Amino acid sequence: MSMKVTKFGPWGGAGGDYRDVQVAPYRLVRLTIRSGDTVDGISFTYIGIDGLVYHMGHWGSDGGVPHEIHLGLLDFVMEISGTTGMWVSGISNVLRSLKITTLKRTYGPYGNPKAGIPFSFSVDGSDRITGFFVRAGFITDAIGVYVRHC
């Protein structure tokens, strides 16, 4: 069985610092999104293709309210969607909202889904969204995903 991991995105702006995983992600275990009027920050735990557990983040700020998503053994992220756009004066094209859709349920949207331009990325079949990379400073400027193909 061959396994390939591919990056898609990011969606959002070019501000902040580039943040990425240490080892290509095999399975997403937990995700924490902090949000208020925008997506303030993100952190997640994943199992790498090397079989080890990695804790990434917290990328962005500690503002907003934390929302935790715990994925069971038979639950996988199949889609992310949200909006990107202007936040406050001088801070343009950031991640305004984020929604996570798994096999079992939808989480969010977190942030302000009425602000900005919509984006959406989904997988099907045996593909899975297994991790994230971002641009983040004071808040989350952009988000991209890792997809495992089986």
N, C-alpha and C. Protein backbone atom coordinates (compact mmCIF):
# COMPACT_ATOMS: atom_id res chain seq x y z
N MET A 1 0.85 -1.18 0.00
CA MET A 1 0.00 0.00 0.00
C MET A 1 0.89 1.24 0.00
N SER A 2 0.74 2.06 -1.04
CA SER A 2 1.54 3.27 -1.09
C SER A 2 0.76 4.42 -0.46
N MET A 3 1.50 5.34 0.10
CA MET A 3 0.86 6.49 0.73
C MET A 3 1.58 7.74 0.28
N LYS A 4 0.79 8.71 -0.12
CA LYS A 4 1.33 9.99 -0.56
C LYS A 4 0.64 11.08 0.23
N VAL A 5 1.41 12.10 0.63
CA VAL A 5 0.85 13.26 1.34
C VAL A 5 1.14 14.49 0.50
N THR A 6 0.09 15.29 0.24
CA THR A 6 0.19 16.47 -0.60
C THR A 6 -0.32 17.69 0.15
N LYS A 7 0.29 18.86 -0.12
CA LYS A 7 -0.15 20.13 0.46
C LYS A 7 -1.06 20.85 -0.53
N PHE A 8 -2.14 21.46 0.01
CA PHE A 8 -3.04 22.30 -0.78
C PHE A 8 -3.24 23.62 -0.05
N GLY A 9 -3.35 24.71 -0.81
CA GLY A 9 -3.51 26.03 -0.23
C GLY A 9 -2.17 26.75 -0.21
N PRO A 10 -2.09 27.80 0.57
CA PRO A 10 -3.02 28.26 1.60
C PRO A 10 -4.08 29.21 1.06
N TRP A 11 -5.12 29.40 1.88
CA TRP A 11 -6.18 30.35 1.61
C TRP A 11 -6.04 31.46 2.63
N GLY A 12 -6.01 32.71 2.16
CA GLY A 12 -5.83 33.86 3.03
C GLY A 12 -4.75 34.77 2.51
N GLY A 13 -4.16 35.53 3.42
CA GLY A 13 -3.19 36.54 3.04
C GLY A 13 -1.74 36.14 3.28
N ALA A 14 -0.86 37.07 2.96
CA ALA A 14 0.58 36.82 3.03
C ALA A 14 1.22 37.35 4.30
N GLY A 15 0.41 37.87 5.24
CA GLY A 15 0.97 38.40 6.49
C GLY A 15 1.38 37.28 7.43
N GLY A 16 1.99 37.67 8.53
CA GLY A 16 2.40 36.71 9.55
C GLY A 16 3.60 35.88 9.13
N ASP A 17 3.93 34.90 9.95
CA ASP A 17 5.07 34.01 9.70
C ASP A 17 4.56 32.66 9.25
N TYR A 18 5.34 32.01 8.38
CA TYR A 18 4.99 30.69 7.89
C TYR A 18 5.23 29.65 8.98
N ARG A 19 4.23 28.84 9.27
CA ARG A 19 4.33 27.78 10.28
C ARG A 19 3.93 26.46 9.63
N ASP A 20 4.71 25.40 9.91
CA ASP A 20 4.45 24.12 9.25
C ASP A 20 4.76 22.97 10.19
N VAL A 21 4.36 21.78 9.78
CA VAL A 21 4.57 20.58 10.58
C VAL A 21 6.03 20.14 10.53
N GLN A 22 6.41 19.25 11.46
CA GLN A 22 7.77 18.73 11.51
C GLN A 22 7.94 17.52 10.59
N VAL A 23 6.92 16.66 10.56
CA VAL A 23 6.92 15.42 9.78
C VAL A 23 5.56 15.35 9.09
N ALA A 24 5.53 14.85 7.87
CA ALA A 24 4.26 14.75 7.14
C ALA A 24 3.21 14.02 7.98
N PRO A 25 2.00 14.56 8.06
CA PRO A 25 0.96 13.99 8.93
C PRO A 25 0.21 12.82 8.30
N TYR A 26 0.06 11.76 9.08
CA TYR A 26 -0.68 10.57 8.67
C TYR A 26 -2.14 10.62 9.13
N ARG A 27 -2.35 11.10 10.38
CA ARG A 27 -3.71 11.13 10.95
C ARG A 27 -3.85 12.30 11.91
N LEU A 28 -4.92 13.07 11.76
CA LEU A 28 -5.23 14.17 12.66
C LEU A 28 -5.97 13.62 13.88
N VAL A 29 -5.54 14.02 15.07
CA VAL A 29 -6.12 13.51 16.32
C VAL A 29 -6.99 14.57 17.00
N ARG A 30 -6.48 15.79 17.10
CA ARG A 30 -7.17 16.85 17.84
C ARG A 30 -6.83 18.19 17.21
N LEU A 31 -7.78 19.13 17.30
CA LEU A 31 -7.60 20.45 16.74
C LEU A 31 -8.22 21.47 17.69
N THR A 32 -7.51 22.55 17.95
CA THR A 32 -8.06 23.65 18.75
C THR A 32 -8.02 24.92 17.93
N ILE A 33 -9.18 25.55 17.79
CA ILE A 33 -9.30 26.80 17.06
C ILE A 33 -9.75 27.87 18.05
N ARG A 34 -9.00 28.96 18.13
CA ARG A 34 -9.39 30.10 18.97
C ARG A 34 -9.98 31.15 18.04
N SER A 35 -11.17 31.64 18.39
CA SER A 35 -11.82 32.61 17.51
C SER A 35 -12.68 33.60 18.28
N GLY A 36 -12.84 34.76 17.68
CA GLY A 36 -13.76 35.79 18.11
C GLY A 36 -14.40 36.33 16.86
N ASP A 37 -13.97 37.53 16.44
CA ASP A 37 -14.45 38.11 15.19
C ASP A 37 -13.62 37.65 14.00
N THR A 38 -12.61 36.86 14.28
CA THR A 38 -11.74 36.30 13.26
C THR A 38 -11.17 35.00 13.82
N VAL A 39 -10.38 34.27 13.05
CA VAL A 39 -9.70 33.08 13.58
C VAL A 39 -8.40 33.56 14.20
N ASP A 40 -8.37 33.57 15.53
CA ASP A 40 -7.22 34.12 16.25
C ASP A 40 -6.00 33.20 16.19
N GLY A 41 -6.22 31.89 16.39
CA GLY A 41 -5.10 30.97 16.42
C GLY A 41 -5.54 29.53 16.25
N ILE A 42 -4.55 28.67 16.03
CA ILE A 42 -4.82 27.26 15.79
C ILE A 42 -3.69 26.42 16.36
N SER A 43 -4.06 25.26 16.88
CA SER A 43 -3.08 24.24 17.28
C SER A 43 -3.71 22.89 17.00
N PHE A 44 -2.85 21.87 16.84
CA PHE A 44 -3.38 20.54 16.56
C PHE A 44 -2.38 19.46 16.92
N THR A 45 -2.90 18.28 17.09
CA THR A 45 -2.10 17.09 17.39
C THR A 45 -2.33 16.10 16.26
N TYR A 46 -1.24 15.50 15.80
CA TYR A 46 -1.36 14.52 14.72
C TYR A 46 -0.36 13.39 14.91
N ILE A 47 -0.62 12.29 14.22
CA ILE A 47 0.32 11.18 14.15
C ILE A 47 1.04 11.31 12.81
N GLY A 48 2.36 11.36 12.86
CA GLY A 48 3.16 11.51 11.64
C GLY A 48 3.28 10.21 10.88
N ILE A 49 3.78 10.31 9.66
CA ILE A 49 3.99 9.10 8.86
C ILE A 49 5.06 8.21 9.49
N ASP A 50 5.79 8.75 10.47
CA ASP A 50 6.79 7.95 11.20
C ASP A 50 6.17 7.25 12.41
N GLY A 51 4.86 7.44 12.65
CA GLY A 51 4.18 6.78 13.76
C GLY A 51 4.25 7.53 15.08
N LEU A 52 4.95 8.65 15.14
CA LEU A 52 5.08 9.43 16.37
C LEU A 52 3.99 10.49 16.47
N VAL A 53 3.70 10.94 17.70
CA VAL A 53 2.68 11.96 17.94
C VAL A 53 3.36 13.33 17.99
N TYR A 54 2.76 14.31 17.30
CA TYR A 54 3.28 15.67 17.25
C TYR A 54 2.20 16.66 17.69
N HIS A 55 2.62 17.67 18.46
CA HIS A 55 1.73 18.76 18.90
C HIS A 55 2.24 20.02 18.22
N MET A 56 1.43 20.62 17.36
CA MET A 56 1.85 21.81 16.61
C MET A 56 1.07 23.02 17.10
N GLY A 57 1.76 24.16 17.12
CA GLY A 57 1.13 25.40 17.55
C GLY A 57 1.31 25.56 19.05
N HIS A 58 0.79 26.53 19.57
CA HIS A 58 -0.30 27.35 19.12
C HIS A 58 0.24 28.45 18.19
N TRP A 59 -0.33 28.52 16.98
CA TRP A 59 0.04 29.50 15.99
C TRP A 59 -1.01 30.59 15.96
N GLY A 60 -0.60 31.85 16.05
CA GLY A 60 -1.53 32.98 16.12
C GLY A 60 -1.59 33.47 17.55
N SER A 61 -2.72 34.07 17.93
CA SER A 61 -2.84 34.63 19.28
C SER A 61 -3.70 33.75 20.17
N ASP A 62 -3.68 34.08 21.46
CA ASP A 62 -4.51 33.39 22.44
C ASP A 62 -5.84 34.11 22.65
N GLY A 63 -6.16 35.05 21.75
CA GLY A 63 -7.42 35.77 21.86
C GLY A 63 -8.59 34.88 21.49
N GLY A 64 -9.78 35.40 21.71
CA GLY A 64 -10.98 34.66 21.34
C GLY A 64 -11.27 33.50 22.27
N VAL A 65 -12.20 32.68 21.86
CA VAL A 65 -12.67 31.54 22.65
C VAL A 65 -12.10 30.26 22.05
N PRO A 66 -11.58 29.33 22.88
CA PRO A 66 -11.06 28.07 22.32
C PRO A 66 -12.19 27.09 21.99
N HIS A 67 -12.04 26.42 20.86
CA HIS A 67 -12.98 25.38 20.44
C HIS A 67 -12.16 24.13 20.14
N GLU A 68 -12.41 23.05 20.87
CA GLU A 68 -11.64 21.82 20.69
C GLU A 68 -12.42 20.79 19.90
N ILE A 69 -11.73 20.15 18.98
CA ILE A 69 -12.30 19.08 18.17
C ILE A 69 -11.44 17.84 18.41
N HIS A 70 -12.06 16.79 18.93
CA HIS A 70 -11.36 15.52 19.14
C HIS A 70 -11.91 14.52 18.13
N LEU A 71 -11.03 13.94 17.34
CA LEU A 71 -11.47 13.01 16.31
C LEU A 71 -11.34 11.58 16.81
N GLY A 72 -12.43 10.82 16.74
CA GLY A 72 -12.40 9.42 17.10
C GLY A 72 -11.66 8.61 16.05
N LEU A 73 -11.41 7.35 16.35
CA LEU A 73 -10.65 6.49 15.44
C LEU A 73 -11.31 6.35 14.07
N LEU A 74 -12.63 6.45 14.01
CA LEU A 74 -13.33 6.28 12.74
C LEU A 74 -13.87 7.60 12.19
N ASP A 75 -13.29 8.72 12.63
CA ASP A 75 -13.71 10.02 12.15
C ASP A 75 -12.52 10.73 11.52
N PHE A 76 -12.75 11.37 10.39
CA PHE A 76 -11.69 12.01 9.63
C PHE A 76 -12.18 13.35 9.09
N VAL A 77 -11.26 14.31 8.95
CA VAL A 77 -11.62 15.59 8.35
C VAL A 77 -11.70 15.41 6.84
N MET A 78 -12.85 15.80 6.29
CA MET A 78 -13.10 15.66 4.86
C MET A 78 -13.18 17.00 4.14
N GLU A 79 -13.39 18.09 4.90
CA GLU A 79 -13.51 19.41 4.26
C GLU A 79 -13.17 20.51 5.25
N ILE A 80 -12.52 21.56 4.73
CA ILE A 80 -12.42 22.81 5.47
C ILE A 80 -13.04 23.88 4.57
N SER A 81 -13.68 24.84 5.20
CA SER A 81 -14.24 25.97 4.46
C SER A 81 -14.22 27.17 5.38
N GLY A 82 -14.44 28.32 4.81
CA GLY A 82 -14.45 29.53 5.61
C GLY A 82 -14.45 30.76 4.74
N THR A 83 -13.99 31.86 5.32
CA THR A 83 -13.90 33.12 4.60
C THR A 83 -12.56 33.78 4.90
N THR A 84 -12.09 34.56 3.93
CA THR A 84 -10.88 35.36 4.11
C THR A 84 -11.21 36.79 3.71
N GLY A 85 -10.58 37.75 4.38
CA GLY A 85 -10.83 39.14 4.02
C GLY A 85 -10.29 40.11 5.06
N MET A 86 -10.66 41.38 4.87
CA MET A 86 -10.20 42.47 5.74
C MET A 86 -10.71 42.27 7.16
N TRP A 87 -9.83 42.54 8.13
CA TRP A 87 -10.25 42.45 9.53
C TRP A 87 -10.41 43.84 10.09
N VAL A 88 -9.36 44.45 10.57
CA VAL A 88 -9.43 45.83 11.06
C VAL A 88 -8.57 46.69 10.13
N SER A 89 -8.68 47.98 10.27
CA SER A 89 -7.95 48.89 9.40
C SER A 89 -6.46 48.51 9.33
N GLY A 90 -5.99 48.30 8.13
CA GLY A 90 -4.58 47.99 7.92
C GLY A 90 -4.24 46.52 7.96
N ILE A 91 -5.17 45.67 8.35
CA ILE A 91 -4.91 44.22 8.36
C ILE A 91 -5.86 43.58 7.36
N SER A 92 -5.35 43.33 6.17
CA SER A 92 -6.21 42.81 5.11
C SER A 92 -5.92 41.35 4.83
N ASN A 93 -6.90 40.70 4.28
CA ASN A 93 -6.83 39.32 3.82
C ASN A 93 -6.30 38.36 4.88
N VAL A 94 -7.09 38.19 5.92
CA VAL A 94 -6.80 37.23 6.98
C VAL A 94 -7.89 36.17 7.00
N LEU A 95 -7.71 35.15 7.81
CA LEU A 95 -8.70 34.09 7.94
C LEU A 95 -9.82 34.58 8.85
N ARG A 96 -10.95 34.96 8.26
CA ARG A 96 -12.06 35.52 9.03
C ARG A 96 -12.90 34.44 9.70
N SER A 97 -13.06 33.28 9.03
CA SER A 97 -13.84 32.19 9.63
C SER A 97 -13.32 30.86 9.13
N LEU A 98 -13.63 29.80 9.90
CA LEU A 98 -13.20 28.46 9.55
C LEU A 98 -14.24 27.45 10.03
N LYS A 99 -14.58 26.51 9.15
CA LYS A 99 -15.50 25.43 9.48
C LYS A 99 -14.81 24.12 9.11
N ILE A 100 -14.91 23.14 10.00
CA ILE A 100 -14.29 21.83 9.81
C ILE A 100 -15.41 20.80 9.66
N THR A 101 -15.39 20.04 8.58
CA THR A 101 -16.40 19.01 8.35
C THR A 101 -15.72 17.65 8.37
N THR A 102 -16.21 16.76 9.25
CA THR A 102 -15.67 15.41 9.33
C THR A 102 -16.70 14.42 8.78
N LEU A 103 -16.36 13.16 8.80
CA LEU A 103 -17.32 12.13 8.38
C LEU A 103 -18.57 12.15 9.24
N LYS A 104 -18.43 12.54 10.51
CA LYS A 104 -19.53 12.43 11.47
C LYS A 104 -20.29 13.72 11.75
N ARG A 105 -19.61 14.88 11.64
CA ARG A 105 -20.31 16.13 11.95
C ARG A 105 -19.55 17.34 11.43
N THR A 106 -20.18 18.51 11.58
CA THR A 106 -19.57 19.77 11.19
C THR A 106 -19.30 20.60 12.44
N TYR A 107 -18.12 21.22 12.49
CA TYR A 107 -17.71 22.05 13.62
C TYR A 107 -17.57 23.49 13.12
N GLY A 108 -18.21 24.43 13.82
CA GLY A 108 -18.13 25.82 13.43
C GLY A 108 -19.32 26.21 12.58
N PRO A 109 -19.26 27.35 11.95
CA PRO A 109 -18.04 28.11 11.69
C PRO A 109 -17.56 28.90 12.92
N TYR A 110 -16.25 29.00 13.01
CA TYR A 110 -15.58 29.78 14.05
C TYR A 110 -15.10 31.07 13.41
N GLY A 111 -15.23 32.19 14.12
CA GLY A 111 -14.92 33.49 13.56
C GLY A 111 -16.19 34.14 13.04
N ASN A 112 -16.05 34.96 12.01
CA ASN A 112 -17.19 35.69 11.45
C ASN A 112 -17.42 35.24 10.00
N PRO A 113 -18.33 34.29 9.77
CA PRO A 113 -18.56 33.77 8.42
C PRO A 113 -19.24 34.76 7.48
N LYS A 114 -19.77 35.87 8.02
CA LYS A 114 -20.44 36.86 7.17
C LYS A 114 -19.45 37.86 6.59
N ALA A 115 -18.20 37.79 7.04
CA ALA A 115 -17.17 38.72 6.57
C ALA A 115 -16.22 37.98 5.63
N GLY A 116 -15.90 38.62 4.52
CA GLY A 116 -14.88 38.07 3.64
C GLY A 116 -15.42 37.27 2.47
N ILE A 117 -14.49 36.66 1.77
CA ILE A 117 -14.76 35.88 0.55
C ILE A 117 -14.69 34.40 0.89
N PRO A 118 -15.71 33.62 0.51
CA PRO A 118 -15.73 32.20 0.86
C PRO A 118 -14.65 31.39 0.13
N PHE A 119 -14.16 30.35 0.81
CA PHE A 119 -13.30 29.34 0.19
C PHE A 119 -13.73 27.99 0.73
N SER A 120 -13.40 26.95 0.00
CA SER A 120 -13.75 25.60 0.43
C SER A 120 -12.79 24.62 -0.22
N PHE A 121 -12.40 23.59 0.54
CA PHE A 121 -11.57 22.52 0.00
C PHE A 121 -12.05 21.21 0.61
N SER A 122 -12.30 20.23 -0.23
CA SER A 122 -12.77 18.93 0.27
C SER A 122 -12.06 17.79 -0.42
N VAL A 123 -12.10 16.64 0.24
CA VAL A 123 -11.54 15.41 -0.31
C VAL A 123 -12.66 14.37 -0.36
N ASP A 124 -12.44 13.31 -1.13
CA ASP A 124 -13.43 12.24 -1.17
C ASP A 124 -12.71 10.89 -1.27
N GLY A 125 -13.49 9.84 -1.32
CA GLY A 125 -12.91 8.50 -1.36
C GLY A 125 -12.14 8.21 -0.10
N SER A 126 -10.94 7.68 -0.25
CA SER A 126 -10.13 7.32 0.91
C SER A 126 -9.15 8.42 1.31
N ASP A 127 -9.19 9.57 0.61
CA ASP A 127 -8.32 10.69 0.98
C ASP A 127 -8.79 11.30 2.30
N ARG A 128 -7.84 11.85 3.06
CA ARG A 128 -8.14 12.46 4.36
C ARG A 128 -7.32 13.73 4.54
N ILE A 129 -7.92 14.76 5.13
CA ILE A 129 -7.16 15.94 5.55
C ILE A 129 -6.53 15.58 6.88
N THR A 130 -5.19 15.63 6.94
CA THR A 130 -4.48 15.10 8.10
C THR A 130 -3.67 16.12 8.88
N GLY A 131 -3.60 17.36 8.39
CA GLY A 131 -2.83 18.37 9.10
C GLY A 131 -2.94 19.71 8.41
N PHE A 132 -2.26 20.70 8.99
CA PHE A 132 -2.38 22.08 8.51
C PHE A 132 -1.03 22.76 8.48
N PHE A 133 -0.93 23.79 7.66
CA PHE A 133 0.16 24.75 7.72
C PHE A 133 -0.49 26.12 7.63
N VAL A 134 0.11 27.13 8.23
CA VAL A 134 -0.52 28.44 8.30
C VAL A 134 0.50 29.55 8.12
N ARG A 135 -0.03 30.74 7.90
CA ARG A 135 0.71 31.98 8.09
C ARG A 135 0.02 32.64 9.26
N ALA A 136 0.76 32.97 10.30
CA ALA A 136 0.15 33.54 11.50
C ALA A 136 1.11 34.52 12.16
N GLY A 137 0.53 35.58 12.68
CA GLY A 137 1.24 36.54 13.50
C GLY A 137 0.38 36.78 14.72
N PHE A 138 -0.23 37.98 14.77
CA PHE A 138 -1.15 38.30 15.85
C PHE A 138 -2.42 37.47 15.74
N ILE A 139 -2.83 37.16 14.51
CA ILE A 139 -3.97 36.29 14.23
C ILE A 139 -3.57 35.33 13.12
N THR A 140 -4.49 34.51 12.67
CA THR A 140 -4.21 33.58 11.58
C THR A 140 -4.48 34.27 10.25
N ASP A 141 -3.42 34.43 9.47
CA ASP A 141 -3.53 35.12 8.18
C ASP A 141 -3.98 34.18 7.06
N ALA A 142 -3.53 32.93 7.10
CA ALA A 142 -3.86 31.99 6.03
C ALA A 142 -3.75 30.56 6.55
N ILE A 143 -4.47 29.64 5.90
CA ILE A 143 -4.42 28.24 6.28
C ILE A 143 -4.35 27.36 5.03
N GLY A 144 -3.58 26.31 5.13
CA GLY A 144 -3.49 25.28 4.09
C GLY A 144 -3.60 23.91 4.74
N VAL A 145 -3.78 22.89 3.92
CA VAL A 145 -3.99 21.54 4.46
C VAL A 145 -3.01 20.54 3.87
N TYR A 146 -2.82 19.47 4.63
CA TYR A 146 -2.14 18.27 4.16
C TYR A 146 -3.21 17.23 3.88
N VAL A 147 -3.08 16.53 2.77
CA VAL A 147 -4.01 15.47 2.40
C VAL A 147 -3.23 14.19 2.21
N ARG A 148 -3.70 13.14 2.89
CA ARG A 148 -3.13 11.80 2.72
C ARG A 148 -3.95 11.07 1.68
N HIS A 149 -3.27 10.55 0.69
CA HIS A 149 -3.91 9.76 -0.37
C HIS A 149 -3.59 8.28 -0.14
N CYS A 150 -4.58 7.45 -0.14
CA CYS A 150 -4.34 6.01 0.05
C CYS A 150 -4.71 5.23 -1.20
